[in-house]
Amino acid sequence: MRKTIFALTIAAVAGAGWLALRWVGPKAVSAETFAALYATPLPAPAGPMATYHLGHSLVGRDMPAMLAQLAGHDHASQLGWGASLRDHWKDSVPGFAEENAHPAHRPAAAALASSDYGAVVLTEMVEIRDAIRSHDSARHLALWADRARAANPDARVYLYETWHRLDDTGGWLERIDSDLARHWEGDVLRPALARHKGGPIHVIPGGQVMAAAVRAIEAGEVEGLTSRHHLFQVQADGTQDMIHFNDTGAYLIALAHYAVLYHRSPEGMAHDLLRADGTPMAPLSADAALALQKVVWRVVTGYAPTGVAAQPG
């Protein structure tokens, strides 16, 4: 009996120590402080900004290449298979060799130490709840922001909000609606801001743009598109990919990045871009492109953490 009690005591102490370790560090900034940080929009950049992307397949190769064509800027990236910010920080990135076998790859630590990039776009792995629970998301977002601004204090640092699987049991639209404030802001961004003292980390609301586009598509407002599945890949065996965008989805998210980074409406921009390998993206009609462009601008200008000024009306 005494041995059992001793073992339980040791386990309780160890558990308390583990919890204490999890509680060490700054708390999240308050809702009021968070709102105040984004009350004043960023000034629009004077011209193209070399842009660095750190993430995984919801960044991919094609979306940054499309964005670069829209913006006329240089870009580089580091990707992985479902890689978290912690994976990148620890140089332990699943699928590193495969995902970075392309000319736009540049190792993250060297890229940010170079001060070559005016914009640094960071994203977290999904499932976002797993990233928060097991990958210390807020801490690693702050560490990457620290690194970017140590070399270039004027760097604009962004958190790219993504999405989860289409077949999520909580509902795809429902989770995008709730996860922004609860997880992306509440569990990742606000705690990171309590640690990072270099200024705001702005947001590219990719999940919000996807959800708004799907609502428009399924309301019959986008020519030629009728379902959320029209933004996502179909796999080689003909089955629906539940999370990775196709060319139309990549184009949509490139528009979102463009609108946030450059504070310009993407309405009327080109819709016949090239993939990263130089092949043309799948055709998209001018009317469909314009409808998606309008959705992007409405979402971006309606969310203060983008740093883009709200538009009248």
Protein backbone atom coordinates (compact mmCIF):
# COMPACT_ATOMS: atom_id res chain seq x y z
CA MET A 1 0.00 0.00 0.00
CA ARG A 2 2.78 2.42 0.93
CA LYS A 3 4.48 1.74 -2.40
CA THR A 4 1.24 2.47 -4.23
CA ILE A 5 0.72 5.75 -2.37
CA PHE A 6 4.34 6.74 -3.05
CA ALA A 7 3.94 5.99 -6.75
CA LEU A 8 0.71 7.99 -6.94
CA THR A 9 2.39 10.90 -5.16
CA ILE A 10 5.29 10.90 -7.60
CA ALA A 11 2.86 10.78 -10.52
CA ALA A 12 0.87 13.68 -9.09
CA VAL A 13 4.01 15.76 -8.60
CA ALA A 14 5.19 14.95 -12.12
CA GLY A 15 1.79 15.88 -13.49
CA ALA A 16 1.82 19.16 -11.62
CA GLY A 17 5.29 19.88 -12.94
CA TRP A 18 4.15 19.22 -16.51
CA LEU A 19 1.19 21.55 -16.07
CA ALA A 20 3.46 24.18 -14.58
CA LEU A 21 5.71 23.97 -17.60
CA ARG A 22 2.72 24.46 -19.86
CA TRP A 23 1.68 27.54 -17.90
CA VAL A 24 5.10 29.18 -18.00
CA GLY A 25 5.26 32.17 -20.31
CA PRO A 26 3.14 35.22 -21.05
CA LYS A 27 -0.61 34.93 -21.24
CA ALA A 28 -2.62 36.04 -24.23
CA VAL A 29 -3.13 39.74 -24.77
CA SER A 30 -6.62 40.86 -23.77
CA ALA A 31 -9.42 41.29 -26.27
CA GLU A 32 -9.15 45.04 -25.80
CA THR A 33 -5.39 45.08 -26.41
CA PHE A 34 -5.85 42.82 -29.42
CA ALA A 35 -8.43 45.17 -30.94
CA ALA A 36 -6.25 48.20 -30.24
CA LEU A 37 -3.29 46.65 -32.04
CA TYR A 38 -5.30 46.55 -35.27
CA ALA A 39 -7.30 49.76 -34.86
CA THR A 40 -4.96 51.65 -37.20
CA PRO A 41 -4.47 50.05 -40.63
CA LEU A 42 -1.01 49.51 -42.04
CA PRO A 43 0.09 51.93 -44.74
CA ALA A 44 0.00 50.34 -48.16
CA PRO A 45 3.46 49.30 -49.37
CA ALA A 46 5.11 51.56 -51.92
CA GLY A 47 5.77 48.73 -54.34
CA PRO A 48 6.36 44.99 -54.68
CA MET A 49 7.66 43.25 -51.55
CA ALA A 50 9.82 40.15 -51.75
CA THR A 51 7.71 37.58 -49.88
CA TYR A 52 8.67 34.47 -47.92
CA HIS A 53 6.20 31.65 -47.23
CA LEU A 54 6.68 29.10 -44.44
CA GLY A 55 4.22 26.25 -44.19
CA HIS A 56 2.89 23.13 -45.86
CA SER A 57 0.63 21.95 -48.67
CA LEU A 58 -2.03 24.60 -48.02
CA VAL A 59 0.65 27.01 -49.15
CA GLY A 60 2.01 24.76 -51.85
CA ARG A 61 4.08 25.77 -54.85
CA ASP A 62 1.38 27.08 -57.18
CA MET A 63 -0.32 29.61 -54.91
CA PRO A 64 2.88 31.60 -54.18
CA ALA A 65 3.75 31.46 -57.89
CA MET A 66 0.33 32.85 -58.79
CA LEU A 67 0.67 35.56 -56.15
CA ALA A 68 4.08 36.52 -57.53
CA GLN A 69 2.56 36.95 -61.00
CA LEU A 70 -0.22 39.16 -59.63
CA ALA A 71 2.17 41.27 -57.55
CA GLY A 72 5.34 41.27 -59.63
CA HIS A 73 7.40 40.32 -56.60
CA ASP A 74 10.14 37.79 -55.85
CA HIS A 75 9.27 34.92 -53.54
CA ALA A 76 10.70 31.90 -51.78
CA SER A 77 9.33 29.25 -49.46
CA GLN A 78 9.96 26.30 -47.19
CA LEU A 79 7.30 23.60 -47.09
CA GLY A 80 6.67 20.20 -45.55
CA TRP A 81 4.06 17.47 -45.26
CA GLY A 82 1.59 18.85 -42.74
CA ALA A 83 4.49 20.67 -41.12
CA SER A 84 3.96 22.72 -37.98
CA LEU A 85 5.79 25.91 -37.09
CA ARG A 86 7.61 23.86 -34.46
CA ASP A 87 8.71 21.31 -37.08
CA HIS A 88 10.24 24.11 -39.12
CA TRP A 89 11.86 25.66 -36.05
CA LYS A 90 13.46 22.37 -35.03
CA ASP A 91 14.58 21.55 -38.59
CA SER A 92 12.54 18.37 -38.39
CA VAL A 93 10.17 18.83 -41.31
CA PRO A 94 8.27 15.78 -42.67
CA GLY A 95 8.67 15.52 -46.43
CA PHE A 96 11.33 18.24 -46.51
CA ALA A 97 13.26 16.86 -49.48
CA GLU A 98 10.17 16.14 -51.55
CA GLU A 99 8.30 19.38 -50.87
CA ASN A 100 11.29 21.66 -51.37
CA ALA A 101 12.60 20.19 -54.61
CA HIS A 102 11.85 23.34 -56.62
CA PRO A 103 13.67 26.55 -57.54
CA ALA A 104 11.72 28.77 -55.13
CA HIS A 105 12.89 26.92 -52.04
CA ARG A 106 15.19 28.75 -49.65
CA PRO A 107 15.96 27.41 -46.15
CA ALA A 108 13.91 29.36 -43.65
CA ALA A 109 16.59 30.32 -41.14
CA ALA A 110 18.94 31.62 -43.84
CA ALA A 111 16.13 33.37 -45.69
CA LEU A 112 14.96 35.35 -42.69
CA ALA A 113 18.49 36.10 -41.50
CA SER A 114 19.15 37.69 -44.89
CA SER A 115 16.62 40.50 -44.35
CA ASP A 116 15.69 40.09 -48.02
CA TYR A 117 11.95 39.79 -47.41
CA GLY A 118 9.58 42.65 -46.78
CA ALA A 119 6.72 40.26 -46.09
CA VAL A 120 6.93 36.97 -44.18
CA VAL A 121 3.86 34.71 -44.27
CA LEU A 122 3.66 31.98 -41.62
CA THR A 123 1.03 29.31 -41.22
CA GLU A 124 0.35 26.53 -38.76
CA MET A 125 -0.41 22.89 -39.43
CA VAL A 126 -3.98 21.67 -39.43
CA GLU A 127 -5.81 20.15 -37.60
CA ILE A 128 -5.31 23.47 -35.75
CA ARG A 129 -6.50 21.99 -32.44
CA ASP A 130 -3.78 19.34 -32.64
CA ALA A 131 -1.19 22.00 -33.45
CA ILE A 132 -2.21 24.04 -30.40
CA ARG A 133 -2.35 21.00 -28.12
CA SER A 134 0.84 19.26 -29.22
CA HIS A 135 3.05 21.71 -31.15
CA ASP A 136 3.11 24.84 -28.98
CA SER A 137 1.74 26.97 -31.80
CA ALA A 138 1.72 30.37 -30.12
CA ARG A 139 5.31 30.10 -28.91
CA HIS A 140 6.60 29.10 -32.34
CA LEU A 141 4.64 31.79 -34.14
CA ALA A 142 6.29 34.31 -31.81
CA LEU A 143 9.73 32.76 -32.36
CA TRP A 144 9.40 33.01 -36.14
CA ALA A 145 8.16 36.59 -35.90
CA ASP A 146 11.10 37.39 -33.62
CA ARG A 147 13.49 35.87 -36.15
CA ALA A 148 12.01 37.74 -39.09
CA ARG A 149 12.15 41.10 -37.34
CA ALA A 150 15.57 40.57 -35.75
CA ALA A 151 17.09 40.81 -39.22
CA ASN A 152 14.55 43.24 -40.66
CA PRO A 153 12.62 45.26 -38.05
CA ASP A 154 10.40 46.64 -40.80
CA ALA A 155 9.32 43.23 -42.05
CA ARG A 156 5.58 42.74 -42.28
CA VAL A 157 4.75 39.44 -40.59
CA TYR A 158 1.51 37.61 -41.36
CA LEU A 159 -0.31 34.59 -40.00
CA TYR A 160 -2.11 32.78 -42.84
CA GLU A 161 -5.34 31.29 -41.48
CA THR A 162 -6.26 28.10 -43.31
CA TRP A 163 -9.03 25.48 -42.96
CA HIS A 164 -9.71 21.86 -42.05
CA ARG A 165 -11.09 18.89 -43.97
CA LEU A 166 -14.34 19.18 -45.89
CA ASP A 167 -15.68 16.09 -44.11
CA ASP A 168 -14.99 17.40 -40.60
CA THR A 169 -17.71 16.15 -38.27
CA GLY A 170 -18.12 19.63 -36.79
CA GLY A 171 -19.18 20.99 -40.17
CA TRP A 172 -16.79 22.69 -42.57
CA LEU A 173 -18.41 26.14 -42.67
CA GLU A 174 -19.36 25.96 -39.01
CA ARG A 175 -15.79 25.32 -37.93
CA ILE A 176 -14.34 28.07 -40.11
CA ASP A 177 -16.87 30.44 -38.56
CA SER A 178 -15.92 29.49 -34.99
CA ASP A 179 -12.24 28.60 -35.27
CA LEU A 180 -11.01 32.08 -36.22
CA ALA A 181 -11.76 33.72 -32.86
CA ARG A 182 -11.45 30.58 -30.76
CA HIS A 183 -8.27 29.02 -32.10
CA TRP A 184 -6.41 31.15 -34.67
CA GLU A 185 -6.82 34.32 -32.60
CA GLY A 186 -7.49 33.04 -29.10
CA ASP A 187 -5.05 30.12 -28.90
CA VAL A 188 -2.37 31.12 -31.41
CA LEU A 189 -2.22 34.82 -32.28
CA ARG A 190 -3.14 36.50 -29.00
CA PRO A 191 -0.68 34.43 -26.91
CA ALA A 192 2.01 34.97 -29.56
CA LEU A 193 1.47 38.72 -29.38
CA ALA A 194 1.97 38.61 -25.61
CA ARG A 195 5.42 37.19 -26.24
CA HIS A 196 6.47 38.95 -29.45
CA LYS A 197 7.28 42.61 -28.86
CA GLY A 198 8.10 43.60 -32.44
CA GLY A 199 4.64 44.81 -33.39
CA PRO A 200 1.41 43.31 -34.70
CA ILE A 201 1.31 40.07 -36.62
CA HIS A 202 -1.33 40.64 -39.27
CA VAL A 203 -3.64 37.98 -40.67
CA ILE A 204 -4.29 36.63 -44.15
CA PRO A 205 -7.80 35.20 -43.63
CA GLY A 206 -7.62 32.28 -46.01
CA GLY A 207 -10.25 30.22 -44.24
CA GLN A 208 -12.64 33.16 -44.13
CA VAL A 209 -12.13 33.80 -47.85
CA MET A 210 -12.72 30.12 -48.64
CA ALA A 211 -15.92 30.08 -46.60
CA ALA A 212 -17.24 33.29 -48.16
CA ALA A 213 -16.43 32.00 -51.63
CA VAL A 214 -18.22 28.71 -50.93
CA ARG A 215 -21.29 30.58 -49.71
CA ALA A 216 -21.28 32.67 -52.89
CA ILE A 217 -20.74 29.59 -55.07
CA GLU A 218 -23.50 27.60 -53.42
CA ALA A 219 -25.85 30.59 -53.70
CA GLY A 220 -25.35 30.52 -57.49
CA GLU A 221 -23.34 33.75 -57.59
CA VAL A 222 -20.20 32.44 -59.34
CA GLU A 223 -20.52 31.47 -62.98
CA GLY A 224 -19.65 27.85 -63.69
CA LEU A 225 -19.07 26.88 -60.05
CA THR A 226 -21.83 25.18 -58.08
CA SER A 227 -20.19 23.36 -55.18
CA ARG A 228 -17.43 23.81 -52.60
CA HIS A 229 -15.79 20.81 -54.24
CA HIS A 230 -15.00 23.01 -57.25
CA LEU A 231 -12.27 24.67 -55.13
CA PHE A 232 -10.60 21.39 -54.18
CA GLN A 233 -8.55 18.78 -55.99
CA VAL A 234 -9.81 15.51 -57.34
CA GLN A 235 -7.28 12.75 -56.75
CA ALA A 236 -5.83 10.53 -59.46
CA ASP A 237 -8.30 7.75 -58.62
CA GLY A 238 -11.24 10.12 -59.08
CA THR A 239 -12.02 10.59 -55.40
CA GLN A 240 -12.45 14.01 -53.82
CA ASP A 241 -9.47 15.48 -51.98
CA MET A 242 -10.90 16.81 -48.73
CA ILE A 243 -8.44 19.61 -47.97
CA HIS A 244 -6.08 20.59 -50.81
CA PHE A 245 -7.13 23.32 -53.21
CA ASN A 246 -7.16 22.92 -56.97
CA ASP A 247 -6.13 25.67 -59.40
CA THR A 248 -9.28 27.70 -58.72
CA GLY A 249 -8.76 27.43 -54.98
CA ALA A 250 -5.09 28.33 -55.31
CA TYR A 251 -6.05 31.36 -57.40
CA LEU A 252 -8.61 32.41 -54.78
CA ILE A 253 -6.05 32.22 -51.97
CA ALA A 254 -3.43 34.02 -54.08
CA LEU A 255 -5.98 36.84 -54.48
CA ALA A 256 -6.44 36.91 -50.70
CA HIS A 257 -2.70 37.21 -50.15
CA TYR A 258 -2.47 39.93 -52.78
CA ALA A 259 -5.29 41.99 -51.27
CA VAL A 260 -3.80 41.79 -47.77
CA LEU A 261 -0.18 42.39 -48.72
CA TYR A 262 -0.83 45.24 -51.16
CA HIS A 263 -4.03 46.84 -49.83
CA ARG A 264 -5.50 46.78 -53.32
CA SER A 265 -8.72 45.33 -54.62
CA PRO A 266 -7.97 42.35 -56.87
CA GLU A 267 -11.06 43.14 -58.95
CA GLY A 268 -10.22 43.00 -62.65
CA MET A 269 -6.88 41.23 -62.20
CA ALA A 270 -5.64 38.50 -64.53
CA HIS A 271 -7.22 35.08 -64.18
CA ASP A 272 -5.09 33.13 -66.66
CA LEU A 273 -2.00 32.59 -64.52
CA LEU A 274 0.68 29.92 -64.60
CA ARG A 275 1.37 27.21 -62.09
CA ALA A 276 4.82 26.99 -60.52
CA ASP A 277 5.95 24.58 -63.25
CA GLY A 278 5.02 27.05 -65.98
CA THR A 279 1.88 25.27 -67.17
CA PRO A 280 -1.40 27.23 -67.42
CA MET A 281 -3.87 27.03 -64.57
CA ALA A 282 -7.24 25.42 -65.32
CA PRO A 283 -9.50 27.84 -67.20
CA LEU A 284 -11.68 30.20 -65.18
CA SER A 285 -14.15 32.54 -66.82
CA ALA A 286 -13.77 36.30 -66.46
CA ASP A 287 -17.16 36.52 -64.74
CA ALA A 288 -16.28 33.78 -62.25
CA ALA A 289 -12.92 35.40 -61.54
CA LEU A 290 -14.55 38.77 -60.93
CA ALA A 291 -17.08 37.27 -58.53
CA LEU A 292 -14.28 35.62 -56.52
CA GLN A 293 -12.23 38.82 -56.58
CA LYS A 294 -15.16 40.76 -55.10
CA VAL A 295 -15.57 38.17 -52.34
CA VAL A 296 -11.89 38.46 -51.46
CA TRP A 297 -11.95 42.25 -51.20
CA ARG A 298 -15.11 42.22 -49.08
CA VAL A 299 -13.61 39.73 -46.61
CA VAL A 300 -10.19 41.37 -46.43
CA THR A 301 -11.53 44.88 -45.86
CA GLY A 302 -14.05 43.63 -43.31
CA TYR A 303 -11.48 42.12 -40.93
CA ALA A 304 -9.25 44.60 -39.09
CA PRO A 305 -6.32 42.22 -38.35
CA THR A 306 -5.51 42.16 -42.08
CA GLY A 307 -4.16 45.68 -41.64
CA VAL A 308 -6.19 46.81 -44.67
CA ALA A 309 -8.50 49.77 -44.19
CA ALA A 310 -12.24 49.14 -44.19
CA GLN A 311 -14.03 50.43 -47.26
CA PRO A 312 -17.00 52.80 -47.13
CA GLY A 313 -20.36 51.21 -47.54
